[in-house]
Each structure stands twice: as structure tokens, then as C-alpha cells.
């Protein structure tokens, strides 16, 4: 007996299956759902939209873009970020063409040149004059191989630093109040900077990036800055400080607590 002829419905089902297998859609959807479960975002539909937008528009050969997308899946304060760090490190450590014969002969790992470019990408929304000192402390030589512990520490430092810069900007805006121009009372600014130093000094040996940021949140606008505003001096000849100087001094305090790796 010959093979039974498939019905039109069966043929259509087979066509659908062949299409999904050919385009690899099934595995990509499965991967997206796994990422959704791992990260558990507040807005799952937006998370999936961003995820598929990233994988459809990025050049898969661009290692930096791929690794950065993995790290952007969730905030550094979430537990799932630790898992994403491992996945990102594995992706960053792959050979350019892992299927080539030479790939197995090459030393696997993340090179310092790729690592420094990744750090710069994470900090791309922070002005270079603000993050230059930080990169000098945590960067690596181009020819170095970067171990996972260093990768995890430096990546976390960068994401914490981005949050810290935003916090400093918010504090300065509150200190300015309704004043015209980006300047405010220098005495008040120096009190804030001194308070940050005291908060970070209280950490003693616990200088992990997240601990530094947590200590800095004692300065958040609804606490310290608001109370300082009520104590502003009424004298008209007081000295002032602009935003650039305030940000630089605050960031200098932050970076002084970061381990020098270079």
C-alpha cells in the first residue's frame, strides 16, 4: 500500500511547521518567554516588544550591541541582573566566529579592548568629562583577558554610576529651586558634598557599588536637599556654585571609593 495522501488541513499544518522551522521563530519565541520569566518585568508586553525590537534590528555580529542588550533587560538592583551578567559574559567571551576551525584553537575570553568599549557604551549617556576618571580606575589594558569577577564588578559600577549621576542632577535641581540660571548657594553645596563623604566613610570596608549608591540616597532630594533649602542664608553677597562644579565634586567623592583595577 502506498503512503496515505495528506488531507488539505494536514498539508497546511505541515507548511506552517516548515515555515516556523525555517525561520527559527519557535526557538526565538521560546527564548523570549524564558527571558520574560527570568526578569519578571512590571510591563511584560513592553519588555517583549523591546526584546524583539532589539534582536530584529541589531547586527548579530556586533558583540558589543548584543551584550549591552542582555545587560539592559533588567535593572542592576534586581536579582535577575546577576543571571544576566553571566549570560552577557558568555556572549562577550565568544569568538567572532565560534563555528570556525580556528575558534577552538584561540584562547577563549573577553579582551580588554572589547570590555572597555562595552563600558563606554553603558556610560554613553553620561558626559565624557564626568565618567573619564571612573574609566581610568576600572578600565583594562587592550591585550588583557578580563575574568568574570572583574567583569561583574565593573559592569555593576557603571550602572550604579549612571544612577548616581541622575541622583546628583536631581539634588542640584532642588538646591537651585526657582532661581534663574544653573547656580546655587556654594555653602549649601559644600554641606551636601561633605554629607556624601561622611555617608560613604561610614561604609568602612563595604565599598561595593550598590552599597555606595544606597549610602548616597541619604542625600535624595526629598530628604537632605529639601531641609537644606529651608536654611538658606538671606545675604545677597553669598558665593555660588554651578552645576558642572557640583557634579564634578560629587563624582570625585564617588570614584574615590571605587577600586583601582587598571
C-alpha atoms as a PDB file:
ATOM      1  CA  UNK A   1       0.000   0.000   0.000  1.00  0.00           C
ATOM      2  CA  UNK A   2       1.206   3.471  -0.834  1.00  0.00           C
ATOM      3  CA  UNK A   3       1.513   6.317   1.623  1.00  0.00           C
ATOM      4  CA  UNK A   4      -1.779   7.843   2.601  1.00  0.00           C
ATOM      5  CA  UNK A   5      -2.351  11.156   0.920  1.00  0.00           C
ATOM      6  CA  UNK A   6      -2.410  14.023   3.369  1.00  0.00           C
ATOM      7  CA  UNK A   7      -5.582  15.997   3.696  1.00  0.00           C
ATOM      8  CA  UNK A   8      -5.531  19.731   2.814  1.00  0.00           C
ATOM      9  CA  UNK A   9      -5.602  20.583   6.528  1.00  0.00           C
ATOM     10  CA  UNK A  10      -2.621  18.320   7.259  1.00  0.00           C
ATOM     11  CA  UNK A  11      -0.694  19.795   4.337  1.00  0.00           C
ATOM     12  CA  UNK A  12      -1.363  23.288   5.602  1.00  0.00           C
ATOM     13  CA  UNK A  13      -0.218  22.337   9.097  1.00  0.00           C
ATOM     14  CA  UNK A  14       2.985  20.910   7.641  1.00  0.00           C
ATOM     15  CA  UNK A  15       3.566  24.112   5.664  1.00  0.00           C
ATOM     16  CA  UNK A  16       3.165  26.153   8.842  1.00  0.00           C
ATOM     17  CA  UNK A  17       5.569  23.893  10.722  1.00  0.00           C
ATOM     18  CA  UNK A  18       8.151  24.020   7.916  1.00  0.00           C
ATOM     19  CA  UNK A  19       7.916  27.811   7.876  1.00  0.00           C
ATOM     20  CA  UNK A  20       8.445  28.078  11.645  1.00  0.00           C
ATOM     21  CA  UNK A  21      11.404  25.688  11.496  1.00  0.00           C
ATOM     22  CA  UNK A  22      12.954  27.533   8.567  1.00  0.00           C
ATOM     23  CA  UNK A  23      12.695  30.982  10.160  1.00  0.00           C
ATOM     24  CA  UNK A  24      13.656  29.780  13.670  1.00  0.00           C
ATOM     25  CA  UNK A  25      10.682  31.693  15.071  1.00  0.00           C
ATOM     26  CA  UNK A  26       9.757  28.981  17.583  1.00  0.00           C
ATOM     27  CA  UNK A  27      13.148  28.999  19.312  1.00  0.00           C
ATOM     28  CA  UNK A  28      13.232  32.812  19.389  1.00  0.00           C
ATOM     29  CA  UNK A  29       9.763  32.992  20.964  1.00  0.00           C
ATOM     30  CA  UNK A  30      10.776  30.335  23.494  1.00  0.00           C
ATOM     31  CA  UNK A  31      13.923  32.304  24.350  1.00  0.00           C
ATOM     32  CA  UNK A  32      11.884  35.495  24.736  1.00  0.00           C
ATOM     33  CA  UNK A  33       9.453  33.800  27.135  1.00  0.00           C
ATOM     34  CA  UNK A  34      12.343  32.417  29.191  1.00  0.00           C
ATOM     35  CA  UNK A  35      13.808  35.935  29.470  1.00  0.00           C
ATOM     36  CA  UNK A  36      10.377  37.233  30.462  1.00  0.00           C
ATOM     37  CA  UNK A  37      10.078  34.658  33.251  1.00  0.00           C
ATOM     38  CA  UNK A  38      13.637  35.290  34.472  1.00  0.00           C
ATOM     39  CA  UNK A  39      13.253  39.081  34.656  1.00  0.00           C
ATOM     40  CA  UNK A  40       9.531  39.321  35.534  1.00  0.00           C
ATOM     41  CA  UNK A  41       9.132  42.965  34.389  1.00  0.00           C
ATOM     42  CA  UNK A  42       6.197  45.090  35.539  1.00  0.00           C
ATOM     43  CA  UNK A  43       5.119  45.595  31.925  1.00  0.00           C
ATOM     44  CA  UNK A  44       5.614  42.211  30.193  1.00  0.00           C
ATOM     45  CA  UNK A  45       4.253  43.349  26.823  1.00  0.00           C
ATOM     46  CA  UNK A  46       6.641  46.318  26.682  1.00  0.00           C
ATOM     47  CA  UNK A  47       9.505  44.005  27.715  1.00  0.00           C
ATOM     48  CA  UNK A  48       8.694  41.596  24.859  1.00  0.00           C
ATOM     49  CA  UNK A  49       8.308  44.456  22.391  1.00  0.00           C
ATOM     50  CA  UNK A  50      11.743  45.822  23.326  1.00  0.00           C
ATOM     51  CA  UNK A  51      13.269  42.343  23.251  1.00  0.00           C
ATOM     52  CA  UNK A  52      12.058  41.554  19.721  1.00  0.00           C
ATOM     53  CA  UNK A  53      12.881  45.050  18.532  1.00  0.00           C
ATOM     54  CA  UNK A  54      16.461  44.566  19.706  1.00  0.00           C
ATOM     55  CA  UNK A  55      17.021  41.178  18.093  1.00  0.00           C
ATOM     56  CA  UNK A  56      15.402  42.247  14.828  1.00  0.00           C
ATOM     57  CA  UNK A  57      17.344  45.484  14.342  1.00  0.00           C
ATOM     58  CA  UNK A  58      20.772  44.621  15.716  1.00  0.00           C
ATOM     59  CA  UNK A  59      23.622  43.133  13.759  1.00  0.00           C
ATOM     60  CA  UNK A  60      24.202  39.749  15.379  1.00  0.00           C
ATOM     61  CA  UNK A  61      27.911  40.035  14.604  1.00  0.00           C
ATOM     62  CA  UNK A  62      28.099  43.135  16.773  1.00  0.00           C
ATOM     63  CA  UNK A  63      29.206  41.673  20.062  1.00  0.00           C
ATOM     64  CA  UNK A  64      29.015  44.937  21.995  1.00  0.00           C
ATOM     65  CA  UNK A  65      25.421  45.565  20.949  1.00  0.00           C
ATOM     66  CA  UNK A  66      24.354  42.029  21.827  1.00  0.00           C
ATOM     67  CA  UNK A  67      25.977  42.078  25.263  1.00  0.00           C
ATOM     68  CA  UNK A  68      24.606  45.534  26.029  1.00  0.00           C
ATOM     69  CA  UNK A  69      21.091  44.386  25.132  1.00  0.00           C
ATOM     70  CA  UNK A  70      21.376  41.472  27.556  1.00  0.00           C
ATOM     71  CA  UNK A  71      22.505  43.788  30.351  1.00  0.00           C
ATOM     72  CA  UNK A  72      19.668  46.224  29.624  1.00  0.00           C
ATOM     73  CA  UNK A  73      16.988  43.587  30.187  1.00  0.00           C
ATOM     74  CA  UNK A  74      16.623  44.443  33.865  1.00  0.00           C
ATOM     75  CA  UNK A  75      17.811  46.994  36.438  1.00  0.00           C
ATOM     76  CA  UNK A  76      21.019  46.246  38.321  1.00  0.00           C
ATOM     77  CA  UNK A  77      19.117  46.154  41.626  1.00  0.00           C
ATOM     78  CA  UNK A  78      17.082  43.104  40.541  1.00  0.00           C
ATOM     79  CA  UNK A  79      18.271  39.598  41.377  1.00  0.00           C
ATOM     80  CA  UNK A  80      17.873  38.522  37.748  1.00  0.00           C
ATOM     81  CA  UNK A  81      20.591  41.021  36.791  1.00  0.00           C
ATOM     82  CA  UNK A  82      23.139  38.606  38.293  1.00  0.00           C
ATOM     83  CA  UNK A  83      21.963  35.907  35.898  1.00  0.00           C
ATOM     84  CA  UNK A  84      22.088  38.353  33.001  1.00  0.00           C
ATOM     85  CA  UNK A  85      25.688  39.189  33.920  1.00  0.00           C
ATOM     86  CA  UNK A  86      26.652  35.541  33.446  1.00  0.00           C
ATOM     87  CA  UNK A  87      24.823  35.316  30.103  1.00  0.00           C
ATOM     88  CA  UNK A  88      26.373  38.604  28.968  1.00  0.00           C
ATOM     89  CA  UNK A  89      29.878  37.485  29.920  1.00  0.00           C
ATOM     90  CA  UNK A  90      29.469  34.252  27.970  1.00  0.00           C
ATOM     91  CA  UNK A  91      28.270  36.207  24.930  1.00  0.00           C
ATOM     92  CA  UNK A  92      31.144  38.686  25.238  1.00  0.00           C
ATOM     93  CA  UNK A  93      33.682  35.864  25.503  1.00  0.00           C
ATOM     94  CA  UNK A  94      32.648  34.073  22.313  1.00  0.00           C
ATOM     95  CA  UNK A  95      34.999  34.014  19.357  1.00  0.00           C
ATOM     96  CA  UNK A  96      33.908  36.175  16.413  1.00  0.00           C
ATOM     97  CA  UNK A  97      33.057  33.001  14.522  1.00  0.00           C
ATOM     98  CA  UNK A  98      32.562  30.221  17.071  1.00  0.00           C
ATOM     99  CA  UNK A  99      31.934  27.681  14.278  1.00  0.00           C
ATOM    100  CA  UNK A 100      35.276  28.209  12.589  1.00  0.00           C
ATOM    101  CA  UNK A 101      38.095  25.688  12.944  1.00  0.00           C
ATOM    102  CA  UNK A 102      40.359  28.364  14.392  1.00  0.00           C
ATOM    103  CA  UNK A 103      37.893  29.214  17.180  1.00  0.00           C
ATOM    104  CA  UNK A 104      38.751  26.113  19.183  1.00  0.00           C
ATOM    105  CA  UNK A 105      42.457  26.966  18.902  1.00  0.00           C
ATOM    106  CA  UNK A 106      42.046  30.547  20.132  1.00  0.00           C
ATOM    107  CA  UNK A 107      42.140  31.376  23.814  1.00  0.00           C
ATOM    108  CA  UNK A 108      38.501  31.989  24.864  1.00  0.00           C
ATOM    109  CA  UNK A 109      37.670  35.010  26.972  1.00  0.00           C
ATOM    110  CA  UNK A 110      36.820  38.676  26.975  1.00  0.00           C
ATOM    111  CA  UNK A 111      39.554  41.007  25.769  1.00  0.00           C
ATOM    112  CA  UNK A 112      40.279  44.334  27.429  1.00  0.00           C
ATOM    113  CA  UNK A 113      39.604  46.268  24.219  1.00  0.00           C
ATOM    114  CA  UNK A 114      36.080  44.829  23.854  1.00  0.00           C
ATOM    115  CA  UNK A 115      35.470  45.313  27.573  1.00  0.00           C
ATOM    116  CA  UNK A 116      36.431  48.996  27.530  1.00  0.00           C
ATOM    117  CA  UNK A 117      34.165  49.610  24.542  1.00  0.00           C
ATOM    118  CA  UNK A 118      31.307  47.935  26.412  1.00  0.00           C
ATOM    119  CA  UNK A 119      31.872  50.130  29.495  1.00  0.00           C
ATOM    120  CA  UNK A 120      31.880  53.224  27.290  1.00  0.00           C
ATOM    121  CA  UNK A 121      28.598  52.103  25.715  1.00  0.00           C
ATOM    122  CA  UNK A 122      26.933  51.744  29.126  1.00  0.00           C
ATOM    123  CA  UNK A 123      28.144  55.242  30.058  1.00  0.00           C
ATOM    124  CA  UNK A 124      27.296  56.793  26.698  1.00  0.00           C
ATOM    125  CA  UNK A 125      24.502  58.955  28.149  1.00  0.00           C
ATOM    126  CA  UNK A 126      26.838  60.443  30.768  1.00  0.00           C
ATOM    127  CA  UNK A 127      29.063  63.331  29.581  1.00  0.00           C
ATOM    128  CA  UNK A 128      32.629  62.152  28.973  1.00  0.00           C
ATOM    129  CA  UNK A 129      34.098  64.748  31.329  1.00  0.00           C
ATOM    130  CA  UNK A 130      32.090  63.136  34.149  1.00  0.00           C
ATOM    131  CA  UNK A 131      32.926  59.482  33.519  1.00  0.00           C
ATOM    132  CA  UNK A 132      36.537  59.754  32.304  1.00  0.00           C
ATOM    133  CA  UNK A 133      38.028  59.372  35.795  1.00  0.00           C
ATOM    134  CA  UNK A 134      35.862  56.336  36.509  1.00  0.00           C
ATOM    135  CA  UNK A 135      37.029  54.558  33.342  1.00  0.00           C
ATOM    136  CA  UNK A 136      40.627  55.299  34.265  1.00  0.00           C
ATOM    137  CA  UNK A 137      40.112  53.389  37.530  1.00  0.00           C
ATOM    138  CA  UNK A 138      38.222  50.353  36.230  1.00  0.00           C
ATOM    139  CA  UNK A 139      39.455  50.011  32.644  1.00  0.00           C
ATOM    140  CA  UNK A 140      41.778  47.263  31.424  1.00  0.00           C
ATOM    141  CA  UNK A 141      44.665  47.074  29.010  1.00  0.00           C
ATOM    142  CA  UNK A 142      43.588  46.198  25.490  1.00  0.00           C
ATOM    143  CA  UNK A 143      45.563  42.936  25.455  1.00  0.00           C
ATOM    144  CA  UNK A 144      44.338  41.720  28.847  1.00  0.00           C
ATOM    145  CA  UNK A 145      41.792  38.937  29.300  1.00  0.00           C
ATOM    146  CA  UNK A 146      39.015  40.002  31.656  1.00  0.00           C
ATOM    147  CA  UNK A 147      37.854  37.413  34.235  1.00  0.00           C
ATOM    148  CA  UNK A 148      34.210  37.203  35.239  1.00  0.00           C
ATOM    149  CA  UNK A 149      34.697  38.708  38.721  1.00  0.00           C
ATOM    150  CA  UNK A 150      36.232  41.848  37.192  1.00  0.00           C
ATOM    151  CA  UNK A 151      33.509  41.951  34.525  1.00  0.00           C
ATOM    152  CA  UNK A 152      30.742  41.708  37.140  1.00  0.00           C
ATOM    153  CA  UNK A 153      32.266  44.380  39.378  1.00  0.00           C
ATOM    154  CA  UNK A 154      32.961  46.922  36.633  1.00  0.00           C
ATOM    155  CA  UNK A 155      29.634  46.487  34.848  1.00  0.00           C
ATOM    156  CA  UNK A 156      27.790  46.950  38.144  1.00  0.00           C
ATOM    157  CA  UNK A 157      29.911  50.022  38.941  1.00  0.00           C
ATOM    158  CA  UNK A 158      28.942  51.603  35.608  1.00  0.00           C
ATOM    159  CA  UNK A 159      25.220  51.043  36.059  1.00  0.00           C
ATOM    160  CA  UNK A 160      25.349  52.303  39.647  1.00  0.00           C
ATOM    161  CA  UNK A 161      27.338  55.325  38.430  1.00  0.00           C
ATOM    162  CA  UNK A 162      24.622  56.177  35.888  1.00  0.00           C
ATOM    163  CA  UNK A 163      22.042  56.161  38.707  1.00  0.00           C
ATOM    164  CA  UNK A 164      24.344  58.228  40.898  1.00  0.00           C
ATOM    165  CA  UNK A 165      24.770  60.912  38.206  1.00  0.00           C
ATOM    166  CA  UNK A 166      20.973  61.144  37.885  1.00  0.00           C
ATOM    167  CA  UNK A 167      20.687  61.481  41.679  1.00  0.00           C
ATOM    168  CA  UNK A 168      23.255  64.303  41.734  1.00  0.00           C
ATOM    169  CA  UNK A 169      21.418  66.127  38.971  1.00  0.00           C
ATOM    170  CA  UNK A 170      18.144  65.861  40.892  1.00  0.00           C
ATOM    171  CA  UNK A 171      19.746  67.170  44.074  1.00  0.00           C
ATOM    172  CA  UNK A 172      21.252  70.161  42.285  1.00  0.00           C
ATOM    173  CA  UNK A 173      17.904  70.996  40.671  1.00  0.00           C
ATOM    174  CA  UNK A 174      16.258  71.038  44.096  1.00  0.00           C
ATOM    175  CA  UNK A 175      19.043  73.204  45.510  1.00  0.00           C
ATOM    176  CA  UNK A 176      18.544  75.695  42.684  1.00  0.00           C
ATOM    177  CA  UNK A 177      14.854  75.921  43.463  1.00  0.00           C
ATOM    178  CA  UNK A 178      13.199  78.626  41.388  1.00  0.00           C
ATOM    179  CA  UNK A 179      16.403  80.584  40.874  1.00  0.00           C
ATOM    180  CA  UNK A 180      17.229  81.636  37.349  1.00  0.00           C
ATOM    181  CA  UNK A 181      20.397  80.095  35.931  1.00  0.00           C
ATOM    182  CA  UNK A 182      22.186  76.917  36.928  1.00  0.00           C
ATOM    183  CA  UNK A 183      23.886  78.211  40.077  1.00  0.00           C
ATOM    184  CA  UNK A 184      23.072  77.939  43.757  1.00  0.00           C
ATOM    185  CA  UNK A 185      24.462  78.668  47.211  1.00  0.00           C
ATOM    186  CA  UNK A 186      28.019  77.318  47.437  1.00  0.00           C
ATOM    187  CA  UNK A 187      27.794  76.810  51.211  1.00  0.00           C
ATOM    188  CA  UNK A 188      24.750  74.588  50.784  1.00  0.00           C
ATOM    189  CA  UNK A 189      26.504  72.593  48.039  1.00  0.00           C
ATOM    190  CA  UNK A 190      29.547  72.050  50.234  1.00  0.00           C
ATOM    191  CA  UNK A 191      27.334  70.753  53.041  1.00  0.00           C
ATOM    192  CA  UNK A 192      25.807  68.232  50.632  1.00  0.00           C
ATOM    193  CA  UNK A 193      29.231  67.138  49.363  1.00  0.00           C
ATOM    194  CA  UNK A 194      30.515  66.807  52.921  1.00  0.00           C
ATOM    195  CA  UNK A 195      27.439  64.767  53.874  1.00  0.00           C
ATOM    196  CA  UNK A 196      28.127  62.408  50.974  1.00  0.00           C
ATOM    197  CA  UNK A 197      31.707  61.928  52.161  1.00  0.00           C
ATOM    198  CA  UNK A 198      30.501  61.142  55.675  1.00  0.00           C
ATOM    199  CA  UNK A 199      27.907  58.683  54.372  1.00  0.00           C
ATOM    200  CA  UNK A 200      30.475  56.833  52.259  1.00  0.00           C
ATOM    201  CA  UNK A 201      33.097  56.876  55.020  1.00  0.00           C
ATOM    202  CA  UNK A 202      30.570  55.137  57.272  1.00  0.00           C
ATOM    203  CA  UNK A 203      30.685  52.141  54.930  1.00  0.00           C
ATOM    204  CA  UNK A 204      34.212  51.374  56.158  1.00  0.00           C
ATOM    205  CA  UNK A 205      35.293  48.241  54.238  1.00  0.00           C
ATOM    206  CA  UNK A 206      31.986  47.729  52.414  1.00  0.00           C
ATOM    207  CA  UNK A 207      32.711  49.636  49.212  1.00  0.00           C
ATOM    208  CA  UNK A 208      30.565  47.572  46.869  1.00  0.00           C
ATOM    209  CA  UNK A 209      28.958  49.718  44.148  1.00  0.00           C
ATOM    210  CA  UNK A 210      25.392  49.105  45.361  1.00  0.00           C
ATOM    211  CA  UNK A 211      26.340  49.958  48.952  1.00  0.00           C
ATOM    212  CA  UNK A 212      27.872  53.237  47.772  1.00  0.00           C
ATOM    213  CA  UNK A 213      24.689  54.154  45.921  1.00  0.00           C
ATOM    214  CA  UNK A 214      22.494  53.149  48.859  1.00  0.00           C
ATOM    215  CA  UNK A 215      24.551  55.345  51.187  1.00  0.00           C
ATOM    216  CA  UNK A 216      24.274  58.230  48.728  1.00  0.00           C
ATOM    217  CA  UNK A 217      20.485  58.039  48.813  1.00  0.00           C
ATOM    218  CA  UNK A 218      20.517  59.767  52.217  1.00  0.00           C
ATOM    219  CA  UNK A 219      21.026  62.853  50.029  1.00  0.00           C
ATOM    220  CA  UNK A 220      17.999  62.265  47.837  1.00  0.00           C
ATOM    221  CA  UNK A 221      16.053  65.455  47.151  1.00  0.00           C
ATOM    222  CA  UNK A 222      13.081  64.717  49.417  1.00  0.00           C
ATOM    223  CA  UNK A 223      15.403  64.372  52.405  1.00  0.00           C
ATOM    224  CA  UNK A 224      18.632  66.314  52.796  1.00  0.00           C
ATOM    225  CA  UNK A 225      18.332  68.807  49.970  1.00  0.00           C
ATOM    226  CA  UNK A 226      14.834  69.969  50.925  1.00  0.00           C
ATOM    227  CA  UNK A 227      15.803  70.513  54.540  1.00  0.00           C
ATOM    228  CA  UNK A 228      18.882  72.486  53.493  1.00  0.00           C
ATOM    229  CA  UNK A 229      16.773  74.807  51.365  1.00  0.00           C
ATOM    230  CA  UNK A 230      14.883  75.986  54.425  1.00  0.00           C
ATOM    231  CA  UNK A 231      18.181  77.026  55.997  1.00  0.00           C
ATOM    232  CA  UNK A 232      19.438  79.103  53.091  1.00  0.00           C
ATOM    233  CA  UNK A 233      21.099  82.337  54.044  1.00  0.00           C
ATOM    234  CA  UNK A 234      19.335  85.578  53.107  1.00  0.00           C
ATOM    235  CA  UNK A 235      22.526  87.535  52.459  1.00  0.00           C
ATOM    236  CA  UNK A 236      22.919  88.793  48.917  1.00  0.00           C
ATOM    237  CA  UNK A 237      26.712  88.620  48.600  1.00  0.00           C
ATOM    238  CA  UNK A 238      26.986  84.862  49.085  1.00  0.00           C
ATOM    239  CA  UNK A 239      29.232  82.831  46.788  1.00  0.00           C
ATOM    240  CA  UNK A 240      27.676  80.395  44.324  1.00  0.00           C
ATOM    241  CA  UNK A 241      28.482  77.060  42.678  1.00  0.00           C
ATOM    242  CA  UNK A 242      27.422  75.992  39.176  1.00  0.00           C
ATOM    243  CA  UNK A 243      26.110  72.571  38.208  1.00  0.00           C
ATOM    244  CA  UNK A 244      29.309  71.417  36.487  1.00  0.00           C
ATOM    245  CA  UNK A 245      31.435  72.076  39.572  1.00  0.00           C
ATOM    246  CA  UNK A 246      28.862  70.462  41.871  1.00  0.00           C
ATOM    247  CA  UNK A 247      28.617  67.336  39.706  1.00  0.00           C
ATOM    248  CA  UNK A 248      32.398  67.052  39.430  1.00  0.00           C
ATOM    249  CA  UNK A 249      32.937  67.255  43.187  1.00  0.00           C
ATOM    250  CA  UNK A 250      30.178  64.740  43.920  1.00  0.00           C
ATOM    251  CA  UNK A 251      31.540  62.338  41.313  1.00  0.00           C
ATOM    252  CA  UNK A 252      35.086  62.710  42.660  1.00  0.00           C
ATOM    253  CA  UNK A 253      33.785  61.530  46.036  1.00  0.00           C
ATOM    254  CA  UNK A 254      32.059  58.566  44.377  1.00  0.00           C
ATOM    255  CA  UNK A 255      35.040  57.475  42.269  1.00  0.00           C
ATOM    256  CA  UNK A 256      37.410  57.740  45.244  1.00  0.00           C
ATOM    257  CA  UNK A 257      35.588  54.732  46.712  1.00  0.00           C
ATOM    258  CA  UNK A 258      35.928  52.595  43.585  1.00  0.00           C
ATOM    259  CA  UNK A 259      38.744  50.052  43.448  1.00  0.00           C
ATOM    260  CA  UNK A 260      41.547  50.856  41.012  1.00  0.00           C
ATOM    261  CA  UNK A 261      41.842  47.965  38.563  1.00  0.00           C
ATOM    262  CA  UNK A 262      43.957  49.457  35.792  1.00  0.00           C
END
